[in-house]
């Protein structure tokens, strides 16, 4: 499946490039949102890359989640966790809804751009290769743990019990140790 042609449900344009939001700007603290945007977008993209999204998909999904956060800013109490929950669901929906829409794309005449080169670099990194060999749930749990989320936060984001999070994290660590040839603790 060629992820480059995936489409996402109602992904609005980039806030800086598109039309202004329909919400009253007085409801959103521009400074607070701006800080969250700057700090969380790279972390959210890293999380999505750990969950097998390519660079362009990660960019699109992260942007979509951040725009949804902007729209719902006044009701969100934990932006970091909320962003990952929205991104996880959006990524899952995009994979399911686009499985049959990719026929006929042969990629002829496409020149690799910077995003593809960055993606290539990441994919050749041994850790990313090992992460992609884990089952999807273990990838998600480990990526959120890597982003320094607590077990209870991971459980809320992925709608799991904390015991299941700990079990998936232990399995992920064990498999990663084997895949990377590590003997010490992770």
Protein backbone atom coordinates (compact mmCIF):
# COMPACT_ATOMS: atom_id res chain seq x y z
CA UNK A 1 0.00 0.00 0.00
CA UNK A 2 1.38 3.44 -0.93
CA UNK A 3 0.81 5.76 2.04
CA UNK A 4 1.58 8.84 -0.05
CA UNK A 5 -1.88 8.79 -1.62
CA UNK A 6 -3.85 8.29 1.60
CA UNK A 7 -6.54 10.80 2.39
CA UNK A 8 -7.80 11.77 5.81
CA UNK A 9 -11.26 12.57 7.04
CA UNK A 10 -11.88 16.29 6.73
CA UNK A 11 -8.31 17.47 7.21
CA UNK A 12 -8.53 21.24 7.10
CA UNK A 13 -5.79 23.41 5.60
CA UNK A 14 -2.76 24.49 7.59
CA UNK A 15 -3.88 27.21 10.07
CA UNK A 16 -1.25 29.61 8.80
CA UNK A 17 -2.18 29.04 5.15
CA UNK A 18 -5.95 28.63 5.13
CA UNK A 19 -9.04 30.44 6.21
CA UNK A 20 -9.37 31.68 9.78
CA UNK A 21 -11.02 29.34 12.29
CA UNK A 22 -14.77 29.69 12.77
CA UNK A 23 -14.41 29.78 16.56
CA UNK A 24 -14.19 33.05 18.49
CA UNK A 25 -10.48 33.78 18.97
CA UNK A 26 -11.17 35.16 22.45
CA UNK A 27 -11.79 31.56 23.57
CA UNK A 28 -8.28 30.46 22.64
CA UNK A 29 -5.16 31.66 24.37
CA UNK A 30 -2.95 32.15 21.35
CA UNK A 31 0.21 32.08 23.44
CA UNK A 32 -0.70 28.85 25.27
CA UNK A 33 -1.82 27.13 22.08
CA UNK A 34 1.29 28.34 20.24
CA UNK A 35 3.53 26.82 22.90
CA UNK A 36 1.68 23.51 22.75
CA UNK A 37 1.84 23.57 18.95
CA UNK A 38 5.60 24.20 18.90
CA UNK A 39 6.47 21.61 21.53
CA UNK A 40 3.97 18.91 20.66
CA UNK A 41 4.05 18.79 16.86
CA UNK A 42 7.54 17.24 16.65
CA UNK A 43 6.76 14.84 19.50
CA UNK A 44 3.43 13.89 17.96
CA UNK A 45 5.09 13.25 14.60
CA UNK A 46 7.74 11.08 16.28
CA UNK A 47 4.95 9.10 17.96
CA UNK A 48 3.19 8.60 14.61
CA UNK A 49 6.45 7.54 12.93
CA UNK A 50 6.88 4.97 15.70
CA UNK A 51 3.37 3.75 14.84
CA UNK A 52 4.40 3.02 11.22
CA UNK A 53 3.17 6.19 9.56
CA UNK A 54 5.48 7.56 6.88
CA UNK A 55 6.72 11.13 7.19
CA UNK A 56 3.96 12.73 5.08
CA UNK A 57 1.18 10.80 6.83
CA UNK A 58 2.64 11.72 10.22
CA UNK A 59 2.74 15.38 9.18
CA UNK A 60 -0.87 15.32 7.96
CA UNK A 61 -2.25 13.48 10.98
CA UNK A 62 -0.33 15.67 13.44
CA UNK A 63 -1.57 18.81 11.71
CA UNK A 64 -5.14 17.52 11.78
CA UNK A 65 -4.92 16.69 15.51
CA UNK A 66 -3.43 20.10 16.31
CA UNK A 67 -6.19 21.86 14.40
CA UNK A 68 -8.82 19.84 16.25
CA UNK A 69 -7.13 20.87 19.51
CA UNK A 70 -7.38 24.50 18.43
CA UNK A 71 -11.11 24.09 17.80
CA UNK A 72 -11.71 22.39 21.16
CA UNK A 73 -9.09 24.25 23.20
CA UNK A 74 -11.49 25.44 25.91
CA UNK A 75 -12.65 21.88 26.70
CA UNK A 76 -9.34 19.99 26.61
CA UNK A 77 -7.68 19.51 30.01
CA UNK A 78 -4.63 17.45 28.98
CA UNK A 79 -3.50 18.54 25.49
CA UNK A 80 -0.60 16.07 25.22
CA UNK A 81 -2.75 13.02 25.88
CA UNK A 82 -5.69 14.39 23.88
CA UNK A 83 -3.48 14.96 20.82
CA UNK A 84 -2.19 11.39 20.87
CA UNK A 85 -5.70 9.98 21.24
CA UNK A 86 -6.95 11.99 18.25
CA UNK A 87 -3.85 11.13 16.21
CA UNK A 88 -4.12 7.41 17.01
CA UNK A 89 -7.77 7.31 15.97
CA UNK A 90 -7.17 9.39 12.83
CA UNK A 91 -4.27 7.19 11.76
CA UNK A 92 -6.33 4.04 12.30
CA UNK A 93 -9.31 5.45 10.37
CA UNK A 94 -7.10 6.55 7.50
CA UNK A 95 -5.62 3.08 7.13
CA UNK A 96 -9.01 1.39 7.08
CA UNK A 97 -10.74 3.88 4.77
CA UNK A 98 -7.92 3.99 2.23
CA UNK A 99 -7.04 0.33 1.72
CA UNK A 100 -8.88 0.11 -1.61
CA UNK A 101 -8.26 3.61 -2.92
CA UNK A 102 -4.65 3.11 -3.96
CA UNK A 103 -5.01 0.99 -7.09
CA UNK A 104 -3.31 2.27 -10.22
CA UNK A 105 -0.67 4.45 -8.53
CA UNK A 106 2.68 3.45 -9.95
CA UNK A 107 4.77 6.43 -8.82
CA UNK A 108 6.31 6.97 -12.26
CA UNK A 109 7.82 10.41 -12.67
CA UNK A 110 7.81 11.25 -8.97
CA UNK A 111 11.01 12.91 -7.78
CA UNK A 112 11.82 12.25 -4.12
CA UNK A 113 11.39 15.36 -2.00
CA UNK A 114 12.96 16.29 1.32
CA UNK A 115 10.18 14.57 3.29
CA UNK A 116 10.85 11.30 1.50
CA UNK A 117 14.57 11.60 2.18
CA UNK A 118 13.91 12.23 5.88
CA UNK A 119 11.56 9.25 5.94
CA UNK A 120 14.22 7.10 4.25
CA UNK A 121 16.75 8.14 6.90
CA UNK A 122 14.35 7.28 9.71
CA UNK A 123 13.37 3.95 8.19
CA UNK A 124 17.00 2.90 7.92
CA UNK A 125 17.62 3.62 11.56
CA UNK A 126 17.92 0.31 13.43
CA UNK A 127 15.55 1.38 16.19
CA UNK A 128 12.80 2.33 13.75
CA UNK A 129 13.28 -0.93 11.89
CA UNK A 130 13.01 -2.86 15.15
CA UNK A 131 9.96 -0.86 16.29
CA UNK A 132 8.17 -1.64 13.05
CA UNK A 133 8.57 -5.34 13.74
CA UNK A 134 6.50 -5.07 16.91
CA UNK A 135 2.75 -5.67 16.88
CA UNK A 136 0.81 -2.39 16.46
CA UNK A 137 -0.41 -2.15 20.07
CA UNK A 138 3.12 -2.66 21.42
CA UNK A 139 4.39 0.02 19.01
CA UNK A 140 1.81 2.48 20.29
CA UNK A 141 2.48 1.73 23.96
CA UNK A 142 6.25 1.92 23.53
CA UNK A 143 6.05 5.15 21.49
CA UNK A 144 3.92 6.82 24.17
CA UNK A 145 6.26 5.54 26.89
CA UNK A 146 9.16 6.93 24.87
CA UNK A 147 7.33 10.29 24.87
CA UNK A 148 7.34 10.08 28.69
CA UNK A 149 3.67 9.40 29.26
CA UNK A 150 2.76 7.64 32.50
CA UNK A 151 1.07 4.23 32.41
CA UNK A 152 -2.27 5.76 33.43
CA UNK A 153 -2.04 8.35 30.65
CA UNK A 154 -1.19 5.68 28.06
CA UNK A 155 -4.14 3.63 29.27
CA UNK A 156 -6.45 6.63 28.82
CA UNK A 157 -5.10 7.51 25.37
CA UNK A 158 -5.32 3.96 24.03
CA UNK A 159 -8.43 3.04 26.03
CA UNK A 160 -6.75 0.13 27.78
CA UNK A 161 -6.39 -0.96 31.37
CA UNK A 162 -3.11 0.04 33.07
CA UNK A 163 -2.23 -3.64 33.55
CA UNK A 164 -2.54 -4.21 29.78
CA UNK A 165 -0.31 -1.18 29.15
CA UNK A 166 2.37 -2.56 31.49
CA UNK A 167 2.13 -5.99 29.84
CA UNK A 168 2.44 -4.55 26.31
CA UNK A 169 5.36 -2.36 27.41
CA UNK A 170 7.17 -5.36 28.93
CA UNK A 171 6.63 -7.38 25.74
CA UNK A 172 7.81 -4.48 23.57
CA UNK A 173 10.96 -4.03 25.65
CA UNK A 174 11.73 -7.73 25.53
CA UNK A 175 11.23 -7.95 21.76
CA UNK A 176 13.22 -4.79 21.12
CA UNK A 177 16.11 -6.16 23.20
CA UNK A 178 16.10 -9.31 21.07
CA UNK A 179 15.77 -7.43 17.78
CA UNK A 180 18.52 -4.99 18.64
CA UNK A 181 20.80 -7.59 20.25
CA UNK A 182 20.79 -5.80 23.61
CA UNK A 183 21.39 -7.52 26.93
CA UNK A 184 20.97 -4.57 29.33
CA UNK A 185 17.80 -2.91 30.56
CA UNK A 186 15.74 -0.69 28.33
